[in-house]
């Protein structure tokens, strides 16, 4: 089968000329460029891509955490919650969970009804997830204490996620990819979110990781050119 090559659009190529290939920009200059080089007609996301100096094949060097972005992401997040405690289910619903329950939610997931973006679980409910772990895991939906999706207070967890708490973990190449807002945000708000994420990422450094931890940082709007950032 012949491989189809996708040529960059004229808009992208024009935007790319605004970015100096080998220049590493300070965050203020980089954020101005990220907004300016957004080439799509919709309100693009602003993404941060970090190359880490870890060995992703070693479990003691994996990076997984979460951060509450001070200005949110601009994205509507659908949160679901599982608990065996009726009060926790009520609290999750009151906080804005699109669905909250116990065994009936497990059955819905088994049937393929995954109408949410993030799943929160109270600690005692984790054992209920064993039969659906193979469904949730590949979709990145398995609750985990490290990213705040396993919580004894389901209401607070749902609130935090809806306000702009984002989870992140390294991919197989040792890179991290996080959306920190929208191109329509004020630059100052995007910069605040960027700094909050980098601070969180530094705290998440595994003790086993040696040498340079953060190798490079690039920001870009959705489908826009990458812009190297100095820390």
Protein backbone atom coordinates (compact mmCIF):
# COMPACT_ATOMS: atom_id res chain seq x y z
CA UNK A 1 0.00 0.00 0.00
CA UNK A 2 1.43 3.37 -1.04
CA UNK A 3 2.16 5.72 1.84
CA UNK A 4 0.30 9.02 1.58
CA UNK A 5 2.45 12.04 2.32
CA UNK A 6 0.76 14.99 3.98
CA UNK A 7 2.28 18.25 2.84
CA UNK A 8 2.33 21.13 5.32
CA UNK A 9 -0.34 23.75 4.64
CA UNK A 10 0.54 27.19 3.29
CA UNK A 11 -0.58 28.70 6.61
CA UNK A 12 1.73 26.39 8.58
CA UNK A 13 4.70 27.17 6.34
CA UNK A 14 4.04 30.91 6.71
CA UNK A 15 3.77 30.56 10.50
CA UNK A 16 6.99 28.53 10.61
CA UNK A 17 8.94 31.43 9.04
CA UNK A 18 8.20 33.46 12.19
CA UNK A 19 10.12 30.97 14.35
CA UNK A 20 13.94 30.93 14.23
CA UNK A 21 14.89 27.26 13.89
CA UNK A 22 17.78 27.09 16.36
CA UNK A 23 16.77 29.89 18.71
CA UNK A 24 15.75 29.10 22.28
CA UNK A 25 13.20 31.70 23.38
CA UNK A 26 12.37 32.97 26.84
CA UNK A 27 8.86 32.02 27.91
CA UNK A 28 7.38 35.47 27.23
CA UNK A 29 8.66 35.54 23.63
CA UNK A 30 7.71 31.89 23.10
CA UNK A 31 4.14 32.38 24.30
CA UNK A 32 3.67 35.43 22.07
CA UNK A 33 4.85 33.33 19.12
CA UNK A 34 2.67 30.35 20.06
CA UNK A 35 -0.43 32.54 19.91
CA UNK A 36 0.74 34.31 16.75
CA UNK A 37 1.53 31.08 14.89
CA UNK A 38 -1.82 29.39 15.55
CA UNK A 39 -2.86 28.39 12.03
CA UNK A 40 -6.24 26.77 12.63
CA UNK A 41 -9.67 28.39 12.45
CA UNK A 42 -10.79 27.05 15.85
CA UNK A 43 -9.53 28.07 19.30
CA UNK A 44 -6.34 26.02 19.34
CA UNK A 45 -4.87 24.40 22.40
CA UNK A 46 -1.42 25.45 23.59
CA UNK A 47 0.72 22.39 24.24
CA UNK A 48 3.98 21.80 26.08
CA UNK A 49 6.27 18.98 24.94
CA UNK A 50 9.16 18.01 27.22
CA UNK A 51 12.02 15.64 26.43
CA UNK A 52 13.17 14.03 29.68
CA UNK A 53 16.54 12.50 30.56
CA UNK A 54 15.00 9.30 31.92
CA UNK A 55 15.08 5.66 30.86
CA UNK A 56 11.39 4.92 30.20
CA UNK A 57 12.10 1.17 30.24
CA UNK A 58 12.97 1.32 33.95
CA UNK A 59 9.95 1.47 36.27
CA UNK A 60 11.84 3.46 38.92
CA UNK A 61 12.40 6.27 36.41
CA UNK A 62 8.83 6.69 35.16
CA UNK A 63 7.23 10.10 35.61
CA UNK A 64 3.56 10.34 36.49
CA UNK A 65 1.85 13.16 38.34
CA UNK A 66 -0.79 15.88 38.07
CA UNK A 67 -0.99 19.65 38.40
CA UNK A 68 -3.79 22.10 39.07
CA UNK A 69 -3.35 24.78 36.43
CA UNK A 70 -4.21 28.17 38.01
CA UNK A 71 -6.19 29.28 34.95
CA UNK A 72 -7.61 25.93 33.83
CA UNK A 73 -7.21 24.43 30.37
CA UNK A 74 -10.23 25.99 28.67
CA UNK A 75 -11.42 22.46 27.94
CA UNK A 76 -14.63 20.97 29.32
CA UNK A 77 -13.75 17.76 31.13
CA UNK A 78 -16.36 15.04 31.70
CA UNK A 79 -15.62 13.34 35.02
CA UNK A 80 -17.11 10.06 36.23
CA UNK A 81 -16.80 8.66 39.76
CA UNK A 82 -16.97 5.17 41.26
CA UNK A 83 -17.54 4.55 44.97
CA UNK A 84 -19.27 2.05 47.22
CA UNK A 85 -20.20 4.89 49.59
CA UNK A 86 -23.55 6.54 48.87
CA UNK A 87 -22.44 9.86 50.38
CA UNK A 88 -19.35 9.92 48.16
CA UNK A 89 -21.51 9.22 45.09
CA UNK A 90 -23.82 12.10 46.05
CA UNK A 91 -20.82 14.41 46.62
CA UNK A 92 -19.36 13.53 43.21
CA UNK A 93 -22.67 14.26 41.49
CA UNK A 94 -23.05 17.54 43.39
CA UNK A 95 -19.53 18.55 42.26
CA UNK A 96 -20.51 18.04 38.62
CA UNK A 97 -19.65 14.43 37.77
CA UNK A 98 -21.46 13.41 34.56
CA UNK A 99 -22.07 10.00 36.12
CA UNK A 100 -21.35 8.49 39.54
CA UNK A 101 -22.22 5.09 40.96
CA UNK A 102 -20.86 1.68 41.90
CA UNK A 103 -21.64 -1.65 40.25
CA UNK A 104 -24.04 -0.17 37.69
CA UNK A 105 -21.24 2.08 36.42
CA UNK A 106 -18.94 -0.96 36.17
CA UNK A 107 -21.56 -2.73 34.07
CA UNK A 108 -21.99 0.32 31.82
CA UNK A 109 -18.23 0.41 31.18
CA UNK A 110 -18.22 -3.32 30.44
CA UNK A 111 -20.94 -2.64 27.86
CA UNK A 112 -18.75 -0.02 26.19
CA UNK A 113 -20.52 3.05 27.56
CA UNK A 114 -17.53 5.25 28.29
CA UNK A 115 -19.07 8.71 28.15
CA UNK A 116 -16.42 10.46 30.25
CA UNK A 117 -12.85 11.76 29.95
CA UNK A 118 -11.56 11.04 33.47
CA UNK A 119 -12.54 8.44 36.06
CA UNK A 120 -12.28 9.05 39.81
CA UNK A 121 -12.46 6.21 42.35
CA UNK A 122 -12.54 6.15 46.14
CA UNK A 123 -9.88 3.79 47.61
CA UNK A 124 -12.28 1.04 48.68
CA UNK A 125 -13.84 0.98 45.21
CA UNK A 126 -10.56 0.16 43.44
CA UNK A 127 -11.16 -3.58 43.88
CA UNK A 128 -14.32 -3.20 41.77
CA UNK A 129 -12.23 -2.11 38.81
CA UNK A 130 -10.35 -5.41 38.36
CA UNK A 131 -12.86 -6.80 35.80
CA UNK A 132 -12.62 -3.65 33.67
CA UNK A 133 -8.92 -2.87 34.07
CA UNK A 134 -8.19 -4.16 30.56
CA UNK A 135 -10.80 -1.75 29.19
CA UNK A 136 -9.69 1.30 31.19
CA UNK A 137 -5.91 0.77 31.02
CA UNK A 138 -5.35 1.10 27.25
CA UNK A 139 -7.56 4.20 27.21
CA UNK A 140 -5.54 5.86 29.99
CA UNK A 141 -8.61 5.93 32.23
CA UNK A 142 -7.46 3.73 35.13
CA UNK A 143 -7.58 5.77 38.37
CA UNK A 144 -4.20 6.27 40.04
CA UNK A 145 -3.26 7.88 43.39
CA UNK A 146 -0.31 9.68 41.76
CA UNK A 147 -2.53 11.81 39.54
CA UNK A 148 -5.27 12.48 42.07
CA UNK A 149 -7.90 10.23 40.52
CA UNK A 150 -7.96 7.93 43.56
CA UNK A 151 -9.29 9.99 46.45
CA UNK A 152 -11.13 9.50 49.71
CA UNK A 153 -13.05 12.67 48.86
CA UNK A 154 -14.72 12.11 45.49
CA UNK A 155 -16.38 15.54 45.49
CA UNK A 156 -13.08 17.40 45.88
CA UNK A 157 -11.41 15.22 43.25
CA UNK A 158 -14.18 15.95 40.74
CA UNK A 159 -14.05 19.69 41.52
CA UNK A 160 -10.27 19.85 41.04
CA UNK A 161 -10.40 18.00 37.73
CA UNK A 162 -13.13 20.24 36.39
CA UNK A 163 -11.26 23.39 37.47
CA UNK A 164 -8.19 22.47 35.46
CA UNK A 165 -6.28 19.69 37.19
CA UNK A 166 -4.40 17.76 34.49
CA UNK A 167 -2.60 14.45 34.73
CA UNK A 168 0.55 13.64 32.83
CA UNK A 169 2.96 10.75 32.38
CA UNK A 170 5.90 10.02 30.13
CA UNK A 171 5.38 8.15 26.88
CA UNK A 172 7.52 5.24 25.64
CA UNK A 173 10.17 7.66 24.40
CA UNK A 174 10.50 9.46 27.74
CA UNK A 175 8.58 12.54 26.61
CA UNK A 176 5.72 14.42 28.31
CA UNK A 177 2.90 16.16 26.43
CA UNK A 178 0.46 18.49 28.23
CA UNK A 179 -2.12 21.04 27.10
CA UNK A 180 -1.88 24.15 29.29
CA UNK A 181 -4.66 26.30 27.84
CA UNK A 182 -6.12 27.82 24.70
CA UNK A 183 -4.65 30.27 22.20
CA UNK A 184 -7.42 32.71 23.17
CA UNK A 185 -6.06 32.92 26.75
CA UNK A 186 -4.13 36.03 27.77
CA UNK A 187 -0.39 35.44 27.53
CA UNK A 188 0.03 36.07 31.27
CA UNK A 189 -2.44 33.26 32.07
CA UNK A 190 -0.72 30.82 29.73
CA UNK A 191 2.63 31.69 31.29
CA UNK A 192 1.22 31.11 34.80
CA UNK A 193 -0.05 27.70 33.70
CA UNK A 194 3.29 26.88 32.05
CA UNK A 195 5.24 27.74 35.19
CA UNK A 196 2.86 25.70 37.39
CA UNK A 197 3.34 22.68 35.12
CA UNK A 198 7.15 22.96 35.04
CA UNK A 199 7.26 23.34 38.84
CA UNK A 200 5.14 20.19 39.19
CA UNK A 201 7.29 18.32 36.69
CA UNK A 202 10.47 19.20 38.61
CA UNK A 203 8.91 17.87 41.83
CA UNK A 204 7.98 14.64 40.00
CA UNK A 205 11.64 13.86 39.16
CA UNK A 206 12.33 10.21 40.03
CA UNK A 207 15.15 9.68 42.53
CA UNK A 208 16.66 7.08 40.17
CA UNK A 209 16.95 9.56 37.28
CA UNK A 210 20.55 10.72 36.94
CA UNK A 211 22.11 13.51 34.90
CA UNK A 212 20.08 16.15 33.10
CA UNK A 213 16.38 15.65 33.91
CA UNK A 214 14.76 18.09 31.48
CA UNK A 215 16.56 17.88 28.12
CA UNK A 216 14.40 20.31 26.15
CA UNK A 217 11.05 22.10 26.24
CA UNK A 218 8.97 23.03 23.20
CA UNK A 219 5.61 24.80 23.10
CA UNK A 220 3.22 24.95 20.16
CA UNK A 221 -0.38 25.70 19.36
CA UNK A 222 -2.44 22.83 17.91
CA UNK A 223 -0.93 22.03 14.49
CA UNK A 224 1.38 25.04 14.84
CA UNK A 225 5.22 25.06 14.63
CA UNK A 226 7.30 24.09 17.67
CA UNK A 227 9.03 26.85 19.65
CA UNK A 228 12.02 26.00 21.88
CA UNK A 229 11.81 27.43 25.40
CA UNK A 230 14.59 28.25 27.86
CA UNK A 231 14.01 27.35 31.51
